[in-house]
Amino acid sequence: EVKPTANYYVQRAFGQNNGDEYIYAD
């Protein structure tokens, strides 16, 4: 079996939801 860590799910969330423009938001 493969055992992703809690850290993996964070890295996946950021890796799959990155962008190329930062937007200021309050």
PDB file of all heavy atoms in Angstrom:
ATOM      1  N   GLU A   1       0.816  -1.213   0.000  1.00  0.00           N
ATOM      2  CA  GLU A   1       0.000   0.000   0.000  1.00  0.00           C
ATOM      3  C   GLU A   1       0.849   1.262   0.000  1.00  0.00           C
ATOM      4  O   GLU A   1       2.020   1.245   0.368  1.00  0.00           O
ATOM      5  CB  GLU A   1      -0.942   0.012   1.205  1.00  0.00           C
ATOM      6  CG  GLU A   1      -0.235  -0.081   2.536  1.00  0.00           C
ATOM      7  CD  GLU A   1      -1.194  -0.191   3.704  1.00  0.00           C
ATOM      8  OE1 GLU A   1      -2.323   0.321   3.592  1.00  0.00           O
ATOM      9  OE2 GLU A   1      -0.816  -0.774   4.737  1.00  0.00           O
ATOM     10  N   VAL A   2       0.204   2.350  -0.424  1.00  0.00           N
ATOM     11  CA  VAL A   2       0.805   3.679  -0.414  1.00  0.00           C
ATOM     12  C   VAL A   2       0.136   4.475   0.696  1.00  0.00           C
ATOM     13  O   VAL A   2      -1.088   4.424   0.860  1.00  0.00           O
ATOM     14  CB  VAL A   2       0.608   4.384  -1.772  1.00  0.00           C
ATOM     15  CG1 VAL A   2       1.152   5.803  -1.728  1.00  0.00           C
ATOM     16  CG2 VAL A   2       1.294   3.590  -2.879  1.00  0.00           C
ATOM     17  N   LYS A   3       0.934   5.223   1.470  1.00  0.00           N
ATOM     18  CA  LYS A   3       0.421   5.928   2.640  1.00  0.00           C
ATOM     19  C   LYS A   3       0.778   7.419   2.566  1.00  0.00           C
ATOM     20  O   LYS A   3       1.815   7.844   3.087  1.00  0.00           O
ATOM     21  CB  LYS A   3       0.997   5.312   3.916  1.00  0.00           C
ATOM     22  CG  LYS A   3       0.649   3.837   4.103  1.00  0.00           C
ATOM     23  CD  LYS A   3       1.249   3.289   5.389  1.00  0.00           C
ATOM     24  CE  LYS A   3       0.871   1.839   5.602  1.00  0.00           C
ATOM     25  NZ  LYS A   3       1.446   1.307   6.873  1.00  0.00           N
ATOM     26  N   PRO A   4      -0.077   8.223   1.939  1.00  0.00           N
ATOM     27  CA  PRO A   4       0.169   9.671   1.923  1.00  0.00           C
ATOM     28  C   PRO A   4       0.086  10.236   3.343  1.00  0.00           C
ATOM     29  O   PRO A   4      -0.703   9.767   4.170  1.00  0.00           O
ATOM     30  CB  PRO A   4      -0.960  10.214   1.052  1.00  0.00           C
ATOM     31  CG  PRO A   4      -1.487   9.028   0.293  1.00  0.00           C
ATOM     32  CD  PRO A   4      -1.283   7.858   1.183  1.00  0.00           C
ATOM     33  N   THR A   5       0.883  11.233   3.631  1.00  0.00           N
ATOM     34  CA  THR A   5       0.884  11.863   4.952  1.00  0.00           C
ATOM     35  C   THR A   5      -0.078  13.048   4.990  1.00  0.00           C
ATOM     36  O   THR A   5      -0.558  13.514   3.949  1.00  0.00           O
ATOM     37  CB  THR A   5       2.290  12.362   5.294  1.00  0.00           C
ATOM     38  OG1 THR A   5       2.672  13.352   4.310  1.00  0.00           O
ATOM     39  CG2 THR A   5       3.299  11.219   5.295  1.00  0.00           C
ATOM     40  N   ALA A   6      -0.324  13.568   6.183  1.00  0.00           N
ATOM     41  CA  ALA A   6      -1.114  14.793   6.312  1.00  0.00           C
ATOM     42  C   ALA A   6      -0.448  15.933   5.555  1.00  0.00           C
ATOM     43  O   ALA A   6      -1.118  16.761   4.933  1.00  0.00           O
ATOM     44  CB  ALA A   6      -1.271  15.163   7.792  1.00  0.00           C
ATOM     45  N   ASN A   7       0.883  15.954   5.566  1.00  0.00           N
ATOM     46  CA  ASN A   7       1.638  16.989   4.854  1.00  0.00           C
ATOM     47  C   ASN A   7       1.413  16.879   3.348  1.00  0.00           C
ATOM     48  O   ASN A   7       1.351  17.896   2.641  1.00  0.00           O
ATOM     49  CB  ASN A   7       3.127  16.859   5.145  1.00  0.00           C
ATOM     50  CG  ASN A   7       3.427  16.546   6.593  1.00  0.00           C
ATOM     51  OD1 ASN A   7       3.103  15.452   7.067  1.00  0.00           O
ATOM     52  ND2 ASN A   7       4.045  17.474   7.305  1.00  0.00           N
ATOM     53  N   TYR A   8       1.288  15.649   2.848  1.00  0.00           N
ATOM     54  CA  TYR A   8       1.048  15.434   1.426  1.00  0.00           C
ATOM     55  C   TYR A   8      -0.226  16.132   0.966  1.00  0.00           C
ATOM     56  O   TYR A   8      -0.251  16.771  -0.096  1.00  0.00           O
ATOM     57  CB  TYR A   8       0.962  13.934   1.120  1.00  0.00           C
ATOM     58  CG  TYR A   8       0.294  13.631  -0.203  1.00  0.00           C
ATOM     59  CD1 TYR A   8       0.998  13.755  -1.399  1.00  0.00           C
ATOM     60  CD2 TYR A   8      -1.051  13.265  -0.251  1.00  0.00           C
ATOM     61  CE1 TYR A   8       0.377  13.499  -2.615  1.00  0.00           C
ATOM     62  CE2 TYR A   8      -1.673  13.017  -1.454  1.00  0.00           C
ATOM     63  CZ  TYR A   8      -0.962  13.130  -2.638  1.00  0.00           C
ATOM     64  OH  TYR A   8      -1.582  12.900  -3.836  1.00  0.00           O
ATOM     65  N   TYR A   9      -1.303  16.018   1.758  1.00  0.00           N
ATOM     66  CA  TYR A   9      -2.571  16.603   1.326  1.00  0.00           C
ATOM     67  C   TYR A   9      -2.489  18.127   1.268  1.00  0.00           C
ATOM     68  O   TYR A   9      -3.160  18.751   0.434  1.00  0.00           O
ATOM     69  CB  TYR A   9      -3.695  16.128   2.237  1.00  0.00           C
ATOM     70  CG  TYR A   9      -4.036  14.676   2.007  1.00  0.00           C
ATOM     71  CD1 TYR A   9      -3.605  13.687   2.878  1.00  0.00           C
ATOM     72  CD2 TYR A   9      -4.750  14.291   0.877  1.00  0.00           C
ATOM     73  CE1 TYR A   9      -3.887  12.354   2.647  1.00  0.00           C
ATOM     74  CE2 TYR A   9      -5.038  12.953   0.637  1.00  0.00           C
ATOM     75  CZ  TYR A   9      -4.600  11.993   1.518  1.00  0.00           C
ATOM     76  OH  TYR A   9      -4.875  10.669   1.269  1.00  0.00           O
ATOM     77  N   VAL A  10      -1.660  18.729   2.112  1.00  0.00           N
ATOM     78  CA  VAL A  10      -1.428  20.177   2.018  1.00  0.00           C
ATOM     79  C   VAL A  10      -0.662  20.503   0.748  1.00  0.00           C
ATOM     80  O   VAL A  10      -1.037  21.412  -0.012  1.00  0.00           O
ATOM     81  CB  VAL A  10      -0.662  20.676   3.261  1.00  0.00           C
ATOM     82  CG1 VAL A  10      -0.088  22.070   3.014  1.00  0.00           C
ATOM     83  CG2 VAL A  10      -1.580  20.700   4.468  1.00  0.00           C
ATOM     84  N   GLN A  11       0.408  19.770   0.490  1.00  0.00           N
ATOM     85  CA  GLN A  11       1.193  20.023  -0.712  1.00  0.00           C
ATOM     86  C   GLN A  11       0.353  19.817  -1.972  1.00  0.00           C
ATOM     87  O   GLN A  11       0.465  20.570  -2.940  1.00  0.00           O
ATOM     88  CB  GLN A  11       2.428  19.110  -0.745  1.00  0.00           C
ATOM     89  CG  GLN A  11       3.436  19.383   0.352  1.00  0.00           C
ATOM     90  CD  GLN A  11       4.117  20.719   0.215  1.00  0.00           C
ATOM     91  OE1 GLN A  11       4.491  21.138  -0.880  1.00  0.00           O
ATOM     92  NE2 GLN A  11       4.302  21.411   1.330  1.00  0.00           N
ATOM     93  N   ARG A  12      -0.496  18.803  -1.953  1.00  0.00           N
ATOM     94  CA  ARG A  12      -1.373  18.555  -3.100  1.00  0.00           C
ATOM     95  C   ARG A  12      -2.358  19.701  -3.287  1.00  0.00           C
ATOM     96  O   ARG A  12      -2.594  20.155  -4.422  1.00  0.00           O
ATOM     97  CB  ARG A  12      -2.125  17.234  -2.932  1.00  0.00           C
ATOM     98  CG  ARG A  12      -2.947  16.862  -4.164  1.00  0.00           C
ATOM     99  CD  ARG A  12      -3.666  15.549  -4.000  1.00  0.00           C
ATOM    100  NE  ARG A  12      -4.793  15.656  -3.071  1.00  0.00           N
ATOM    101  CZ  ARG A  12      -5.689  14.686  -2.888  1.00  0.00           C
ATOM    102  NH1 ARG A  12      -5.582  13.534  -3.547  1.00  0.00           N
ATOM    103  NH2 ARG A  12      -6.693  14.844  -2.030  1.00  0.00           N
ATOM    104  N   ALA A  13      -2.934  20.183  -2.185  1.00  0.00           N
ATOM    105  CA  ALA A  13      -3.904  21.273  -2.272  1.00  0.00           C
ATOM    106  C   ALA A  13      -3.266  22.518  -2.892  1.00  0.00           C
ATOM    107  O   ALA A  13      -3.870  23.191  -3.730  1.00  0.00           O
ATOM    108  CB  ALA A  13      -4.468  21.593  -0.890  1.00  0.00           C
ATOM    109  N   PHE A  14      -2.039  22.837  -2.484  1.00  0.00           N
ATOM    110  CA  PHE A  14      -1.365  24.005  -3.035  1.00  0.00           C
ATOM    111  C   PHE A  14      -0.865  23.733  -4.458  1.00  0.00           C
ATOM    112  O   PHE A  14      -0.931  24.613  -5.321  1.00  0.00           O
ATOM    113  CB  PHE A  14      -0.201  24.421  -2.131  1.00  0.00           C
ATOM    114  CG  PHE A  14      -0.628  25.268  -0.971  1.00  0.00           C
ATOM    115  CD1 PHE A  14      -1.242  24.710   0.140  1.00  0.00           C
ATOM    116  CD2 PHE A  14      -0.432  26.644  -0.989  1.00  0.00           C
ATOM    117  CE1 PHE A  14      -1.644  25.487   1.215  1.00  0.00           C
ATOM    118  CE2 PHE A  14      -0.836  27.442   0.073  1.00  0.00           C
ATOM    119  CZ  PHE A  14      -1.443  26.860   1.182  1.00  0.00           C
ATOM    120  N   GLY A  15      -0.370  22.527  -4.708  1.00  0.00           N
ATOM    121  CA  GLY A  15       0.148  22.213  -6.039  1.00  0.00           C
ATOM    122  C   GLY A  15      -0.927  22.180  -7.106  1.00  0.00           C
ATOM    123  O   GLY A  15      -0.706  22.604  -8.247  1.00  0.00           O
ATOM    124  N   GLN A  16      -2.111  21.707  -6.748  1.00  0.00           N
ATOM    125  CA  GLN A  16      -3.207  21.626  -7.708  1.00  0.00           C
ATOM    126  C   GLN A  16      -4.004  22.919  -7.803  1.00  0.00           C
ATOM    127  O   GLN A  16      -4.880  23.037  -8.658  1.00  0.00           O
ATOM    128  CB  GLN A  16      -4.139  20.468  -7.346  1.00  0.00           C
ATOM    129  CG  GLN A  16      -3.503  19.101  -7.500  1.00  0.00           C
ATOM    130  CD  GLN A  16      -4.442  17.962  -7.159  1.00  0.00           C
ATOM    131  OE1 GLN A  16      -5.511  18.172  -6.588  1.00  0.00           O
ATOM    132  NE2 GLN A  16      -4.040  16.756  -7.497  1.00  0.00           N
ATOM    133  N   ASN A  17      -3.699  23.863  -6.936  1.00  0.00           N
ATOM    134  CA  ASN A  17      -4.437  25.122  -6.912  1.00  0.00           C
ATOM    135  C   ASN A  17      -3.487  26.317  -6.863  1.00  0.00           C
ATOM    136  O   ASN A  17      -3.696  27.266  -6.114  1.00  0.00           O
ATOM    137  CB  ASN A  17      -5.379  25.142  -5.705  1.00  0.00           C
ATOM    138  CG  ASN A  17      -6.469  24.103  -5.796  1.00  0.00           C
ATOM    139  OD1 ASN A  17      -7.443  24.265  -6.531  1.00  0.00           O
ATOM    140  ND2 ASN A  17      -6.316  23.017  -5.055  1.00  0.00           N
ATOM    141  N   ASN A  18      -2.434  26.237  -7.659  1.00  0.00           N
ATOM    142  CA  ASN A  18      -1.511  27.371  -7.710  1.00  0.00           C
ATOM    143  C   ASN A  18      -1.940  28.332  -8.819  1.00  0.00           C
ATOM    144  O   ASN A  18      -2.845  28.051  -9.592  1.00  0.00           O
ATOM    145  CB  ASN A  18      -0.065  26.898  -7.908  1.00  0.00           C
ATOM    146  CG  ASN A  18       0.117  26.091  -9.182  1.00  0.00           C
ATOM    147  OD1 ASN A  18      -0.806  25.940  -9.964  1.00  0.00           O
ATOM    148  ND2 ASN A  18       1.300  25.557  -9.387  1.00  0.00           N
ATOM    149  N   GLY A  19      -1.291  29.451  -8.870  1.00  0.00           N
ATOM    150  CA  GLY A  19      -1.601  30.450  -9.892  1.00  0.00           C
ATOM    151  C   GLY A  19      -0.343  31.167 -10.310  1.00  0.00           C
ATOM    152  O   GLY A  19       0.754  30.856  -9.836  1.00  0.00           O
ATOM    153  N   ASP A  20      -0.473  32.140 -11.186  1.00  0.00           N
ATOM    154  CA  ASP A  20       0.692  32.912 -11.631  1.00  0.00           C
ATOM    155  C   ASP A  20       0.497  34.413 -11.435  1.00  0.00           C
ATOM    156  O   ASP A  20       1.286  35.215 -11.901  1.00  0.00           O
ATOM    157  CB  ASP A  20       1.034  32.606 -13.087  1.00  0.00           C
ATOM    158  CG  ASP A  20      -0.178  32.649 -14.000  1.00  0.00           C
ATOM    159  OD1 ASP A  20      -1.194  33.278 -13.618  1.00  0.00           O
ATOM    160  OD2 ASP A  20      -0.113  32.048 -15.077  1.00  0.00           O
ATOM    161  N   GLU A  21      -0.566  34.785 -10.709  1.00  0.00           N
ATOM    162  CA  GLU A  21      -0.792  36.184 -10.373  1.00  0.00           C
ATOM    163  C   GLU A  21      -1.345  36.261  -8.960  1.00  0.00           C
ATOM    164  O   GLU A  21      -2.325  35.589  -8.627  1.00  0.00           O
ATOM    165  CB  GLU A  21      -1.783  36.833 -11.347  1.00  0.00           C
ATOM    166  CG  GLU A  21      -2.100  38.276 -11.031  1.00  0.00           C
ATOM    167  CD  GLU A  21      -3.178  38.863 -11.922  1.00  0.00           C
ATOM    168  OE1 GLU A  21      -3.547  38.210 -12.923  1.00  0.00           O
ATOM    169  OE2 GLU A  21      -3.676  39.966 -11.614  1.00  0.00           O
ATOM    170  N   TYR A  22      -0.699  37.063  -8.115  1.00  0.00           N
ATOM    171  CA  TYR A  22      -1.175  37.231  -6.747  1.00  0.00           C
ATOM    172  C   TYR A  22      -2.157  38.397  -6.698  1.00  0.00           C
ATOM    173  O   TYR A  22      -1.901  39.451  -7.267  1.00  0.00           O
ATOM    174  CB  TYR A  22      -0.012  37.488  -5.784  1.00  0.00           C
ATOM    175  CG  TYR A  22      -0.427  37.459  -4.331  1.00  0.00           C
ATOM    176  CD1 TYR A  22      -0.535  36.256  -3.654  1.00  0.00           C
ATOM    177  CD2 TYR A  22      -0.725  38.634  -3.648  1.00  0.00           C
ATOM    178  CE1 TYR A  22      -0.937  36.210  -2.321  1.00  0.00           C
ATOM    179  CE2 TYR A  22      -1.124  38.608  -2.321  1.00  0.00           C
ATOM    180  CZ  TYR A  22      -1.230  37.386  -1.658  1.00  0.00           C
ATOM    181  OH  TYR A  22      -1.630  37.353  -0.349  1.00  0.00           O
ATOM    182  N   ILE A  23      -3.280  38.202  -6.012  1.00  0.00           N
ATOM    183  CA  ILE A  23      -4.325  39.222  -5.932  1.00  0.00           C
ATOM    184  C   ILE A  23      -4.488  39.650  -4.478  1.00  0.00           C
ATOM    185  O   ILE A  23      -4.680  38.806  -3.588  1.00  0.00           O
ATOM    186  CB  ILE A  23      -5.670  38.674  -6.460  1.00  0.00           C
ATOM    187  CG1 ILE A  23      -5.524  38.229  -7.922  1.00  0.00           C
ATOM    188  CG2 ILE A  23      -6.772  39.721  -6.312  1.00  0.00           C
ATOM    189  CD1 ILE A  23      -6.757  37.515  -8.455  1.00  0.00           C
ATOM    190  N   TYR A  24      -4.416  40.941  -4.231  1.00  0.00           N
ATOM    191  CA  TYR A  24      -4.674  41.419  -2.875  1.00  0.00           C
ATOM    192  C   TYR A  24      -6.160  41.287  -2.565  1.00  0.00           C
ATOM    193  O   TYR A  24      -7.011  41.650  -3.379  1.00  0.00           O
ATOM    194  CB  TYR A  24      -4.257  42.882  -2.705  1.00  0.00           C
ATOM    195  CG  TYR A  24      -4.656  43.422  -1.358  1.00  0.00           C
ATOM    196  CD1 TYR A  24      -3.898  43.135  -0.229  1.00  0.00           C
ATOM    197  CD2 TYR A  24      -5.830  44.157  -1.198  1.00  0.00           C
ATOM    198  CE1 TYR A  24      -4.278  43.587   1.029  1.00  0.00           C
ATOM    199  CE2 TYR A  24      -6.218  44.621   0.058  1.00  0.00           C
ATOM    200  CZ  TYR A  24      -5.438  44.329   1.163  1.00  0.00           C
ATOM    201  OH  TYR A  24      -5.820  44.776   2.398  1.00  0.00           O
ATOM    202  N   ALA A  25      -6.465  40.764  -1.391  1.00  0.00           N
ATOM    203  CA  ALA A  25      -7.858  40.642  -0.955  1.00  0.00           C
ATOM    204  C   ALA A  25      -7.916  40.878   0.544  1.00  0.00           C
ATOM    205  O   ALA A  25      -7.079  40.365   1.292  1.00  0.00           O
ATOM    206  CB  ALA A  25      -8.417  39.261  -1.291  1.00  0.00           C
ATOM    207  N   ASP A  26      -8.880  41.633   0.983  1.00  0.00           N
ATOM    208  CA  ASP A  26      -9.042  41.927   2.395  1.00  0.00           C
ATOM    209  C   ASP A  26      -9.803  40.788   3.062  1.00  0.00           C
ATOM    210  O   ASP A  26     -10.877  40.394   2.608  1.00  0.00           O
ATOM    211  CB  ASP A  26      -9.800  43.243   2.574  1.00  0.00           C
ATOM    212  CG  ASP A  26      -9.863  43.663   4.026  1.00  0.00           C
ATOM    213  OD1 ASP A  26      -8.968  43.249   4.789  1.00  0.00           O
ATOM    214  OD2 ASP A  26     -10.802  44.385   4.406  1.00  0.00           O
TER     215      ASP A  26
END
